[in-house]
Amino acid sequence: MNAYIYLAIAITAEVIGTTALKAVDGFSKPLPLALVIVGYGTAFWMLSLVMKSIPVGVTYAIWSGLGIVMISIAALFLYDQKLDLPALLGMGLIIAGVLVIQLFSSTTGH
C-alpha cells in the first residue's frame, strides 16, 4: 500500500483519538477511552509503516501539521471551540508549510 495512504490513516486515527481525549472525563467514560486507545494505537502503527519509505522528519511534519488543523476543525464542531483570526492564520501557515514540503522538498520519498 502507498505510504501516503498509511499517513492519511495515521492522521485520521490521531485526530479521532485526540478529539475523543477531551470526552474521556478522567477515564470515567469507556467509549471515548476506547477511541483514544484505538486511535493512538492505529496512528503509531501506521506511522511505523510510513517511515519505511518517507523520512521521519517529513512524516512528522505532515502528520502533526495536518493533525493540528483537523483537530481544531473537529473541536470547532464537536466542542464549540472558537477559532479567531490569529488561529486561522496560523493554521493557514501550517497548511502552507505542508504544501511546501510536498511540492518542493526532495526528501519526501516520491
PDB file of N, CA and C in Angstrom:
ATOM      1  N   MET A   1       0.851  -1.180   0.000  1.00  0.00           N
ATOM      2  CA  MET A   1       0.000   0.000   0.000  1.00  0.00           C
ATOM      3  C   MET A   1       0.898   1.246   0.000  1.00  0.00           C
ATOM      4  N   ASN A   2       0.432   2.299  -0.594  1.00  0.00           N
ATOM      5  CA  ASN A   2       1.159   3.561  -0.689  1.00  0.00           C
ATOM      6  C   ASN A   2       1.374   4.182   0.688  1.00  0.00           C
ATOM      7  N   ALA A   3       2.567   4.691   0.934  1.00  0.00           N
ATOM      8  CA  ALA A   3       2.899   5.291   2.231  1.00  0.00           C
ATOM      9  C   ALA A   3       1.996   6.472   2.558  1.00  0.00           C
ATOM     10  N   TYR A   4       1.557   7.199   1.551  1.00  0.00           N
ATOM     11  CA  TYR A   4       0.690   8.351   1.814  1.00  0.00           C
ATOM     12  C   TYR A   4      -0.719   7.931   2.228  1.00  0.00           C
ATOM     13  N   ILE A   5      -1.132   6.749   1.832  1.00  0.00           N
ATOM     14  CA  ILE A   5      -2.410   6.222   2.330  1.00  0.00           C
ATOM     15  C   ILE A   5      -2.265   5.859   3.802  1.00  0.00           C
ATOM     16  N   TYR A   6      -1.148   5.215   4.151  1.00  0.00           N
ATOM     17  CA  TYR A   6      -0.879   4.930   5.565  1.00  0.00           C
ATOM     18  C   TYR A   6      -0.819   6.223   6.378  1.00  0.00           C
ATOM     19  N   LEU A   7      -0.209   7.248   5.808  1.00  0.00           N
ATOM     20  CA  LEU A   7      -0.103   8.524   6.507  1.00  0.00           C
ATOM     21  C   LEU A   7      -1.479   9.151   6.704  1.00  0.00           C
ATOM     22  N   ALA A   8      -2.338   9.072   5.708  1.00  0.00           N
ATOM     23  CA  ALA A   8      -3.700   9.595   5.842  1.00  0.00           C
ATOM     24  C   ALA A   8      -4.465   8.843   6.929  1.00  0.00           C
ATOM     25  N   ILE A   9      -4.279   7.527   6.987  1.00  0.00           N
ATOM     26  CA  ILE A   9      -4.922   6.733   8.039  1.00  0.00           C
ATOM     27  C   ILE A   9      -4.370   7.131   9.404  1.00  0.00           C
ATOM     28  N   ALA A  10      -3.053   7.330   9.497  1.00  0.00           N
ATOM     29  CA  ALA A  10      -2.426   7.733  10.759  1.00  0.00           C
ATOM     30  C   ALA A  10      -2.960   9.074  11.231  1.00  0.00           C
ATOM     31  N   ILE A  11      -3.080  10.020  10.325  1.00  0.00           N
ATOM     32  CA  ILE A  11      -3.587  11.349  10.688  1.00  0.00           C
ATOM     33  C   ILE A  11      -5.034  11.249  11.147  1.00  0.00           C
ATOM     34  N   THR A  12      -5.843  10.528  10.409  1.00  0.00           N
ATOM     35  CA  THR A  12      -7.259  10.375  10.774  1.00  0.00           C
ATOM     36  C   THR A  12      -7.405   9.696  12.135  1.00  0.00           C
ATOM     37  N   ALA A  13      -6.638   8.644  12.369  1.00  0.00           N
ATOM     38  CA  ALA A  13      -6.703   7.927  13.646  1.00  0.00           C
ATOM     39  C   ALA A  13      -6.265   8.827  14.802  1.00  0.00           C
ATOM     40  N   GLU A  14      -5.230   9.615  14.578  1.00  0.00           N
ATOM     41  CA  GLU A  14      -4.746  10.522  15.632  1.00  0.00           C
ATOM     42  C   GLU A  14      -5.772  11.608  15.916  1.00  0.00           C
ATOM     43  N   VAL A  15      -6.432  12.107  14.901  1.00  0.00           N
ATOM     44  CA  VAL A  15      -7.474  13.124  15.089  1.00  0.00           C
ATOM     45  C   VAL A  15      -8.634  12.537  15.894  1.00  0.00           C
ATOM     46  N   ILE A  16      -9.027  11.327  15.576  1.00  0.00           N
ATOM     47  CA  ILE A  16     -10.102  10.666  16.331  1.00  0.00           C
ATOM     48  C   ILE A  16      -9.682  10.479  17.791  1.00  0.00           C
ATOM     49  N   GLY A  17      -8.479   9.968  18.005  1.00  0.00           N
ATOM     50  CA  GLY A  17      -8.001   9.740  19.367  1.00  0.00           C
ATOM     51  C   GLY A  17      -7.894  11.025  20.172  1.00  0.00           C
ATOM     52  N   THR A  18      -7.324  12.057  19.590  1.00  0.00           N
ATOM     53  CA  THR A  18      -7.152  13.318  20.308  1.00  0.00           C
ATOM     54  C   THR A  18      -8.484  13.995  20.557  1.00  0.00           C
ATOM     55  N   THR A  19      -9.374  13.949  19.592  1.00  0.00           N
ATOM     56  CA  THR A  19     -10.695  14.554  19.772  1.00  0.00           C
ATOM     57  C   THR A  19     -11.466  13.829  20.872  1.00  0.00           C
ATOM     58  N   ALA A  20     -11.354  12.516  20.935  1.00  0.00           N
ATOM     59  CA  ALA A  20     -12.044  11.743  21.972  1.00  0.00           C
ATOM     60  C   ALA A  20     -11.425  11.959  23.349  1.00  0.00           C
ATOM     61  N   LEU A  21     -10.160  12.355  23.390  1.00  0.00           N
ATOM     62  CA  LEU A  21      -9.471  12.539  24.670  1.00  0.00           C
ATOM     63  C   LEU A  21     -10.193  13.526  25.577  1.00  0.00           C
ATOM     64  N   LYS A  22     -10.749  14.577  25.016  1.00  0.00           N
ATOM     65  CA  LYS A  22     -11.487  15.566  25.816  1.00  0.00           C
ATOM     66  C   LYS A  22     -12.726  14.936  26.467  1.00  0.00           C
ATOM     67  N   ALA A  23     -13.337  13.983  25.780  1.00  0.00           N
ATOM     68  CA  ALA A  23     -14.571  13.362  26.275  1.00  0.00           C
ATOM     69  C   ALA A  23     -14.326  12.246  27.286  1.00  0.00           C
ATOM     70  N   VAL A  24     -13.071  11.847  27.510  1.00  0.00           N
ATOM     71  CA  VAL A  24     -12.762  10.743  28.422  1.00  0.00           C
ATOM     72  C   VAL A  24     -13.188  11.067  29.856  1.00  0.00           C
ATOM     73  N   ASP A  25     -13.084  12.332  30.237  1.00  0.00           N
ATOM     74  CA  ASP A  25     -13.550  12.806  31.545  1.00  0.00           C
ATOM     75  C   ASP A  25     -12.908  12.026  32.695  1.00  0.00           C
ATOM     76  N   GLY A  26     -11.586  12.103  32.747  1.00  0.00           N
ATOM     77  CA  GLY A  26     -10.874  11.431  33.839  1.00  0.00           C
ATOM     78  C   GLY A  26     -10.974   9.925  33.794  1.00  0.00           C
ATOM     79  N   PHE A  27     -10.973   9.362  32.618  1.00  0.00           N
ATOM     80  CA  PHE A  27     -11.064   7.910  32.404  1.00  0.00           C
ATOM     81  C   PHE A  27     -12.367   7.307  32.920  1.00  0.00           C
ATOM     82  N   SER A  28     -13.426   8.120  33.004  1.00  0.00           N
ATOM     83  CA  SER A  28     -14.695   7.620  33.516  1.00  0.00           C
ATOM     84  C   SER A  28     -15.666   7.201  32.409  1.00  0.00           C
ATOM     85  N   LYS A  29     -15.316   7.455  31.170  1.00  0.00           N
ATOM     86  CA  LYS A  29     -16.217   7.116  30.063  1.00  0.00           C
ATOM     87  C   LYS A  29     -15.507   6.125  29.127  1.00  0.00           C
ATOM     88  N   PRO A  30     -15.977   4.876  29.110  1.00  0.00           N
ATOM     89  CA  PRO A  30     -15.261   3.831  28.377  1.00  0.00           C
ATOM     90  C   PRO A  30     -15.241   3.987  26.854  1.00  0.00           C
ATOM     91  N   LEU A  31     -16.321   4.471  26.232  1.00  0.00           N
ATOM     92  CA  LEU A  31     -16.316   4.578  24.769  1.00  0.00           C
ATOM     93  C   LEU A  31     -15.285   5.593  24.280  1.00  0.00           C
ATOM     94  N   PRO A  32     -15.257   6.816  24.833  1.00  0.00           N
ATOM     95  CA  PRO A  32     -14.198   7.730  24.388  1.00  0.00           C
ATOM     96  C   PRO A  32     -12.799   7.194  24.699  1.00  0.00           C
ATOM     97  N   LEU A  33     -12.641   6.517  25.830  1.00  0.00           N
ATOM     98  CA  LEU A  33     -11.341   5.944  26.179  1.00  0.00           C
ATOM     99  C   LEU A  33     -10.917   4.891  25.150  1.00  0.00           C
ATOM    100  N   ALA A  34     -11.861   4.073  24.713  1.00  0.00           N
ATOM    101  CA  ALA A  34     -11.566   3.075  23.683  1.00  0.00           C
ATOM    102  C   ALA A  34     -11.153   3.754  22.378  1.00  0.00           C
ATOM    103  N   LEU A  35     -11.832   4.852  22.032  1.00  0.00           N
ATOM    104  CA  LEU A  35     -11.458   5.598  20.824  1.00  0.00           C
ATOM    105  C   LEU A  35     -10.049   6.168  20.929  1.00  0.00           C
ATOM    106  N   VAL A  36      -9.685   6.643  22.116  1.00  0.00           N
ATOM    107  CA  VAL A  36      -8.333   7.167  22.332  1.00  0.00           C
ATOM    108  C   VAL A  36      -7.297   6.065  22.132  1.00  0.00           C
ATOM    109  N   ILE A  37      -7.525   4.923  22.780  1.00  0.00           N
ATOM    110  CA  ILE A  37      -6.558   3.817  22.716  1.00  0.00           C
ATOM    111  C   ILE A  37      -6.429   3.280  21.291  1.00  0.00           C
ATOM    112  N   VAL A  38      -7.553   3.028  20.649  1.00  0.00           N
ATOM    113  CA  VAL A  38      -7.530   2.504  19.276  1.00  0.00           C
ATOM    114  C   VAL A  38      -6.982   3.559  18.315  1.00  0.00           C
ATOM    115  N   GLY A  39      -7.385   4.817  18.509  1.00  0.00           N
ATOM    116  CA  GLY A  39      -6.916   5.887  17.633  1.00  0.00           C
ATOM    117  C   GLY A  39      -5.412   6.057  17.679  1.00  0.00           C
ATOM    118  N   TYR A  40      -4.858   6.179  18.888  1.00  0.00           N
ATOM    119  CA  TYR A  40      -3.412   6.350  19.001  1.00  0.00           C
ATOM    120  C   TYR A  40      -2.652   5.089  18.597  1.00  0.00           C
ATOM    121  N   GLY A  41      -3.177   3.923  18.951  1.00  0.00           N
ATOM    122  CA  GLY A  41      -2.523   2.676  18.549  1.00  0.00           C
ATOM    123  C   GLY A  41      -2.443   2.554  17.037  1.00  0.00           C
ATOM    124  N   THR A  42      -3.548   2.855  16.368  1.00  0.00           N
ATOM    125  CA  THR A  42      -3.581   2.800  14.908  1.00  0.00           C
ATOM    126  C   THR A  42      -2.656   3.848  14.305  1.00  0.00           C
ATOM    127  N   ALA A  43      -2.683   5.049  14.871  1.00  0.00           N
ATOM    128  CA  ALA A  43      -1.840   6.132  14.347  1.00  0.00           C
ATOM    129  C   ALA A  43      -0.362   5.756  14.393  1.00  0.00           C
ATOM    130  N   PHE A  44       0.102   5.247  15.524  1.00  0.00           N
ATOM    131  CA  PHE A  44       1.517   4.909  15.639  1.00  0.00           C
ATOM    132  C   PHE A  44       1.888   3.687  14.809  1.00  0.00           C
ATOM    133  N   TRP A  45       0.981   2.746  14.674  1.00  0.00           N
ATOM    134  CA  TRP A  45       1.229   1.597  13.815  1.00  0.00           C
ATOM    135  C   TRP A  45       1.399   2.054  12.364  1.00  0.00           C
ATOM    136  N   MET A  46       0.478   2.890  11.894  1.00  0.00           N
ATOM    137  CA  MET A  46       0.560   3.388  10.526  1.00  0.00           C
ATOM    138  C   MET A  46       1.813   4.239  10.324  1.00  0.00           C
ATOM    139  N   LEU A  47       2.157   5.058  11.313  1.00  0.00           N
ATOM    140  CA  LEU A  47       3.373   5.874  11.206  1.00  0.00           C
ATOM    141  C   LEU A  47       4.611   5.002  11.062  1.00  0.00           C
ATOM    142  N   SER A  48       4.634   3.880  11.776  1.00  0.00           N
ATOM    143  CA  SER A  48       5.797   2.990  11.652  1.00  0.00           C
ATOM    144  C   SER A  48       5.907   2.433  10.241  1.00  0.00           C
ATOM    145  N   LEU A  49       4.789   2.231   9.568  1.00  0.00           N
ATOM    146  CA  LEU A  49       4.806   1.756   8.180  1.00  0.00           C
ATOM    147  C   LEU A  49       5.213   2.882   7.220  1.00  0.00           C
ATOM    148  N   VAL A  50       4.739   4.092   7.495  1.00  0.00           N
ATOM    149  CA  VAL A  50       5.066   5.245   6.656  1.00  0.00           C
ATOM    150  C   VAL A  50       6.568   5.480   6.644  1.00  0.00           C
ATOM    151  N   MET A  51       7.179   5.367   7.827  1.00  0.00           N
ATOM    152  CA  MET A  51       8.593   5.708   7.954  1.00  0.00           C
ATOM    153  C   MET A  51       9.530   4.702   7.282  1.00  0.00           C
ATOM    154  N   LYS A  52       8.980   3.640   6.717  1.00  0.00           N
ATOM    155  CA  LYS A  52       9.792   2.737   5.911  1.00  0.00           C
ATOM    156  C   LYS A  52      10.191   3.394   4.591  1.00  0.00           C
ATOM    157  N   SER A  53       9.374   4.364   4.127  1.00  0.00           N
ATOM    158  CA  SER A  53       9.668   4.968   2.828  1.00  0.00           C
ATOM    159  C   SER A  53       9.705   6.493   2.822  1.00  0.00           C
ATOM    160  N   ILE A  54       9.195   7.129   3.857  1.00  0.00           N
ATOM    161  CA  ILE A  54       9.242   8.593   3.941  1.00  0.00           C
ATOM    162  C   ILE A  54      10.080   8.944   5.166  1.00  0.00           C
ATOM    163  N   PRO A  55      11.018   9.877   5.035  1.00  0.00           N
ATOM    164  CA  PRO A  55      11.873  10.235   6.171  1.00  0.00           C
ATOM    165  C   PRO A  55      11.069  10.693   7.393  1.00  0.00           C
ATOM    166  N   VAL A  56      11.613  10.412   8.571  1.00  0.00           N
ATOM    167  CA  VAL A  56      10.909  10.684   9.823  1.00  0.00           C
ATOM    168  C   VAL A  56      10.542  12.164   9.968  1.00  0.00           C
ATOM    169  N   GLY A  57      11.424  13.071   9.610  1.00  0.00           N
ATOM    170  CA  GLY A  57      11.138  14.499   9.751  1.00  0.00           C
ATOM    171  C   GLY A  57       9.982  14.946   8.881  1.00  0.00           C
ATOM    172  N   VAL A  58       9.958  14.459   7.653  1.00  0.00           N
ATOM    173  CA  VAL A  58       8.875  14.802   6.733  1.00  0.00           C
ATOM    174  C   VAL A  58       7.568  14.174   7.206  1.00  0.00           C
ATOM    175  N   THR A  59       7.641  12.908   7.601  1.00  0.00           N
ATOM    176  CA  THR A  59       6.445  12.226   8.117  1.00  0.00           C
ATOM    177  C   THR A  59       5.847  12.983   9.289  1.00  0.00           C
ATOM    178  N   TYR A  60       6.697  13.333  10.248  1.00  0.00           N
ATOM    179  CA  TYR A  60       6.199  14.001  11.449  1.00  0.00           C
ATOM    180  C   TYR A  60       5.674  15.391  11.140  1.00  0.00           C
ATOM    181  N   ALA A  61       6.316  16.110  10.236  1.00  0.00           N
ATOM    182  CA  ALA A  61       5.850  17.445   9.872  1.00  0.00           C
ATOM    183  C   ALA A  61       4.448  17.389   9.273  1.00  0.00           C
ATOM    184  N   ILE A  62       4.236  16.451   8.381  1.00  0.00           N
ATOM    185  CA  ILE A  62       2.922  16.322   7.750  1.00  0.00           C
ATOM    186  C   ILE A  62       1.890  15.823   8.749  1.00  0.00           C
ATOM    187  N   TRP A  63       2.239  14.790   9.518  1.00  0.00           N
ATOM    188  CA  TRP A  63       1.317  14.206  10.488  1.00  0.00           C
ATOM    189  C   TRP A  63       0.884  15.228  11.535  1.00  0.00           C
ATOM    190  N   SER A  64       1.843  15.896  12.126  1.00  0.00           N
ATOM    191  CA  SER A  64       1.497  16.843  13.195  1.00  0.00           C
ATOM    192  C   SER A  64       0.824  18.089  12.638  1.00  0.00           C
ATOM    193  N   GLY A  65       1.303  18.588  11.501  1.00  0.00           N
ATOM    194  CA  GLY A  65       0.713  19.798  10.931  1.00  0.00           C
ATOM    195  C   GLY A  65      -0.737  19.610  10.532  1.00  0.00           C
ATOM    196  N   LEU A  66      -1.004  18.579   9.752  1.00  0.00           N
ATOM    197  CA  LEU A  66      -2.389  18.332   9.342  1.00  0.00           C
ATOM    198  C   LEU A  66      -3.248  17.904  10.522  1.00  0.00           C
ATOM    199  N   GLY A  67      -2.649  17.195  11.480  1.00  0.00           N
ATOM    200  CA  GLY A  67      -3.392  16.819  12.687  1.00  0.00           C
ATOM    201  C   GLY A  67      -3.860  18.032  13.466  1.00  0.00           C
ATOM    202  N   ILE A  68      -2.993  19.037  13.618  1.00  0.00           N
ATOM    203  CA  ILE A  68      -3.368  20.265  14.330  1.00  0.00           C
ATOM    204  C   ILE A  68      -4.563  20.925  13.660  1.00  0.00           C
ATOM    205  N   VAL A  69      -4.501  21.053  12.353  1.00  0.00           N
ATOM    206  CA  VAL A  69      -5.585  21.708  11.619  1.00  0.00           C
ATOM    207  C   VAL A  69      -6.877  20.912  11.743  1.00  0.00           C
ATOM    208  N   MET A  70      -6.795  19.599  11.536  1.00  0.00           N
ATOM    209  CA  MET A  70      -8.004  18.774  11.570  1.00  0.00           C
ATOM    210  C   MET A  70      -8.605  18.688  12.973  1.00  0.00           C
ATOM    211  N   ILE A  71      -7.764  18.629  13.997  1.00  0.00           N
ATOM    212  CA  ILE A  71      -8.277  18.600  15.374  1.00  0.00           C
ATOM    213  C   ILE A  71      -8.956  19.921  15.715  1.00  0.00           C
ATOM    214  N   SER A  72      -8.389  21.013  15.264  1.00  0.00           N
ATOM    215  CA  SER A  72      -9.006  22.316  15.514  1.00  0.00           C
ATOM    216  C   SER A  72     -10.371  22.418  14.841  1.00  0.00           C
ATOM    217  N   ILE A  73     -10.476  21.892  13.639  1.00  0.00           N
ATOM    218  CA  ILE A  73     -11.767  21.900  12.939  1.00  0.00           C
ATOM    219  C   ILE A  73     -12.760  20.978  13.645  1.00  0.00           C
ATOM    220  N   ALA A  74     -12.310  19.793  14.065  1.00  0.00           N
ATOM    221  CA  ALA A  74     -13.198  18.876  14.789  1.00  0.00           C
ATOM    222  C   ALA A  74     -13.677  19.511  16.094  1.00  0.00           C
ATOM    223  N   ALA A  75     -12.770  20.183  16.815  1.00  0.00           N
ATOM    224  CA  ALA A  75     -13.139  20.827  18.083  1.00  0.00           C
ATOM    225  C   ALA A  75     -14.114  21.962  17.856  1.00  0.00           C
ATOM    226  N   LEU A  76     -14.020  22.639  16.723  1.00  0.00           N
ATOM    227  CA  LEU A  76     -14.968  23.699  16.391  1.00  0.00           C
ATOM    228  C   LEU A  76     -16.384  23.137  16.340  1.00  0.00           C
ATOM    229  N   PHE A  77     -16.542  21.989  15.693  1.00  0.00           N
ATOM    230  CA  PHE A  77     -17.875  21.410  15.538  1.00  0.00           C
ATOM    231  C   PHE A  77     -18.327  20.600  16.746  1.00  0.00           C
ATOM    232  N   LEU A  78     -17.425  19.845  17.364  1.00  0.00           N
ATOM    233  CA  LEU A  78     -17.819  18.957  18.458  1.00  0.00           C
ATOM    234  C   LEU A  78     -17.855  19.642  19.817  1.00  0.00           C
ATOM    235  N   TYR A  79     -16.949  20.595  20.049  1.00  0.00           N
ATOM    236  CA  TYR A  79     -16.817  21.209  21.366  1.00  0.00           C
ATOM    237  C   TYR A  79     -17.032  22.717  21.345  1.00  0.00           C
ATOM    238  N   ASP A  80     -17.476  23.231  20.207  1.00  0.00           N
ATOM    239  CA  ASP A  80     -17.758  24.659  20.045  1.00  0.00           C
ATOM    240  C   ASP A  80     -16.531  25.529  20.343  1.00  0.00           C
ATOM    241  N   GLN A  81     -15.348  25.007  20.039  1.00  0.00           N
ATOM    242  CA  GLN A  81     -14.117  25.784  20.201  1.00  0.00           C
ATOM    243  C   GLN A  81     -14.074  26.846  19.121  1.00  0.00           C
ATOM    244  N   LYS A  82     -13.917  28.084  19.519  1.00  0.00           N
ATOM    245  CA  LYS A  82     -13.882  29.183  18.566  1.00  0.00           C
ATOM    246  C   LYS A  82     -12.468  29.356  18.021  1.00  0.00           C
ATOM    247  N   LEU A  83     -12.384  29.649  16.749  1.00  0.00           N
ATOM    248  CA  LEU A  83     -11.108  29.909  16.103  1.00  0.00           C
ATOM    249  C   LEU A  83     -11.074  31.374  15.683  1.00  0.00           C
ATOM    250  N   ASP A  84     -10.193  32.150  16.312  1.00  0.00           N
ATOM    251  CA  ASP A  84     -10.096  33.555  15.951  1.00  0.00           C
ATOM    252  C   ASP A  84      -9.170  33.729  14.750  1.00  0.00           C
ATOM    253  N   LEU A  85      -9.022  34.971  14.299  1.00  0.00           N
ATOM    254  CA  LEU A  85      -8.223  35.238  13.116  1.00  0.00           C
ATOM    255  C   LEU A  85      -6.775  34.776  13.257  1.00  0.00           C
ATOM    256  N   PRO A  86      -6.091  35.043  14.386  1.00  0.00           N
ATOM    257  CA  PRO A  86      -4.727  34.531  14.502  1.00  0.00           C
ATOM    258  C   PRO A  86      -4.643  33.003  14.419  1.00  0.00           C
ATOM    259  N   ALA A  87      -5.628  32.301  14.995  1.00  0.00           N
ATOM    260  CA  ALA A  87      -5.638  30.835  14.911  1.00  0.00           C
ATOM    261  C   ALA A  87      -5.809  30.380  13.465  1.00  0.00           C
ATOM    262  N   LEU A  88      -6.718  31.017  12.749  1.00  0.00           N
ATOM    263  CA  LEU A  88      -6.938  30.657  11.350  1.00  0.00           C
ATOM    264  C   LEU A  88      -5.714  30.969  10.494  1.00  0.00           C
ATOM    265  N   LEU A  89      -5.082  32.106  10.743  1.00  0.00           N
ATOM    266  CA  LEU A  89      -3.867  32.449  10.005  1.00  0.00           C
ATOM    267  C   LEU A  89      -2.752  31.449  10.297  1.00  0.00           C
ATOM    268  N   GLY A  90      -2.600  31.081  11.559  1.00  0.00           N
ATOM    269  CA  GLY A  90      -1.583  30.099  11.930  1.00  0.00           C
ATOM    270  C   GLY A  90      -1.821  28.765  11.263  1.00  0.00           C
ATOM    271  N   MET A  91      -3.068  28.331  11.223  1.00  0.00           N
ATOM    272  CA  MET A  91      -3.375  27.066  10.551  1.00  0.00           C
ATOM    273  C   MET A  91      -3.130  27.173   9.059  1.00  0.00           C
ATOM    274  N   GLY A  92      -3.382  28.340   8.483  1.00  0.00           N
ATOM    275  CA  GLY A  92      -3.064  28.553   7.069  1.00  0.00           C
ATOM    276  C   GLY A  92      -1.575  28.413   6.811  1.00  0.00           C
ATOM    277  N   LEU A  93      -0.767  28.939   7.735  1.00  0.00           N
ATOM    278  CA  LEU A  93       0.679  28.807   7.600  1.00  0.00           C
ATOM    279  C   LEU A  93       1.129  27.352   7.732  1.00  0.00           C
ATOM    280  N   ILE A  94       0.473  26.608   8.618  1.00  0.00           N
ATOM    281  CA  ILE A  94       0.799  25.181   8.759  1.00  0.00           C
ATOM    282  C   ILE A  94       0.510  24.448   7.454  1.00  0.00           C
ATOM    283  N   ILE A  95      -0.656  24.704   6.884  1.00  0.00           N
ATOM    284  CA  ILE A  95      -1.019  24.069   5.616  1.00  0.00           C
ATOM    285  C   ILE A  95      -0.027  24.472   4.522  1.00  0.00           C
ATOM    286  N   ALA A  96       0.340  25.749   4.504  1.00  0.00           N
ATOM    287  CA  ALA A  96       1.323  26.209   3.519  1.00  0.00           C
ATOM    288  C   ALA A  96       2.648  25.482   3.703  1.00  0.00           C
ATOM    289  N   GLY A  97       3.060  25.262   4.942  1.00  0.00           N
ATOM    290  CA  GLY A  97       4.302  24.544   5.205  1.00  0.00           C
ATOM    291  C   GLY A  97       4.251  23.117   4.712  1.00  0.00           C
ATOM    292  N   VAL A  98       3.141  22.439   4.943  1.00  0.00           N
ATOM    293  CA  VAL A  98       2.987  21.064   4.459  1.00  0.00           C
ATOM    294  C   VAL A  98       3.037  21.044   2.928  1.00  0.00           C
ATOM    295  N   LEU A  99       2.388  22.018   2.288  1.00  0.00           N
ATOM    296  CA  LEU A  99       2.417  22.082   0.829  1.00  0.00           C
ATOM    297  C   LEU A  99       3.828  22.332   0.301  1.00  0.00           C
ATOM    298  N   VAL A 100       4.575  23.206   0.959  1.00  0.00           N
ATOM    299  CA  VAL A 100       5.953  23.466   0.539  1.00  0.00           C
ATOM    300  C   VAL A 100       6.774  22.181   0.618  1.00  0.00           C
ATOM    301  N   ILE A 101       6.609  21.444   1.702  1.00  0.00           N
ATOM    302  CA  ILE A 101       7.332  20.179   1.842  1.00  0.00           C
ATOM    303  C   ILE A 101       6.960  19.228   0.712  1.00  0.00           C
ATOM    304  N   GLN A 102       5.673  19.090   0.465  1.00  0.00           N
ATOM    305  CA  GLN A 102       5.203  18.134  -0.545  1.00  0.00           C
ATOM    306  C   GLN A 102       5.590  18.538  -1.958  1.00  0.00           C
ATOM    307  N   LEU A 103       5.520  19.821  -2.259  1.00  0.00           N
ATOM    308  CA  LEU A 103       5.730  20.271  -3.626  1.00  0.00           C
ATOM    309  C   LEU A 103       7.188  20.522  -3.980  1.00  0.00           C
ATOM    310  N   PHE A 104       7.982  20.917  -2.992  1.00  0.00           N
ATOM    311  CA  PHE A 104       9.331  21.373  -3.328  1.00  0.00           C
ATOM    312  C   PHE A 104      10.473  20.610  -2.667  1.00  0.00           C
ATOM    313  N   SER A 105      10.181  19.796  -1.668  1.00  0.00           N
ATOM    314  CA  SER A 105      11.260  19.082  -0.975  1.00  0.00           C
ATOM    315  C   SER A 105      11.621  17.817  -1.736  1.00  0.00           C
ATOM    316  N   SER A 106      12.915  17.569  -1.832  1.00  0.00           N
ATOM    317  CA  SER A 106      13.360  16.337  -2.481  1.00  0.00           C
ATOM    318  C   SER A 106      13.451  15.184  -1.476  1.00  0.00           C
ATOM    319  N   THR A 107      13.103  15.429  -0.235  1.00  0.00           N
ATOM    320  CA  THR A 107      13.208  14.386   0.799  1.00  0.00           C
ATOM    321  C   THR A 107      11.885  13.696   1.093  1.00  0.00           C
ATOM    322  N   THR A 108      10.846  13.954   0.310  1.00  0.00           N
ATOM    323  CA  THR A 108       9.535  13.397   0.624  1.00  0.00           C
ATOM    324  C   THR A 108       9.366  11.952   0.201  1.00  0.00           C
ATOM    325  N   GLY A 109      10.291  11.391  -0.502  1.00  0.00           N
ATOM    326  CA  GLY A 109      10.214   9.978  -0.853  1.00  0.00           C
ATOM    327  C   GLY A 109       9.401   9.672  -2.079  1.00  0.00           C
ATOM    328  N   HIS A 110       9.047  10.693  -2.883  1.00  0.00           N
ATOM    329  CA  HIS A 110       8.302  10.395  -4.119  1.00  0.00           C
ATOM    330  C   HIS A 110       9.013  10.926  -5.312  1.00  0.00           C
TER     331      HIS A 110
END
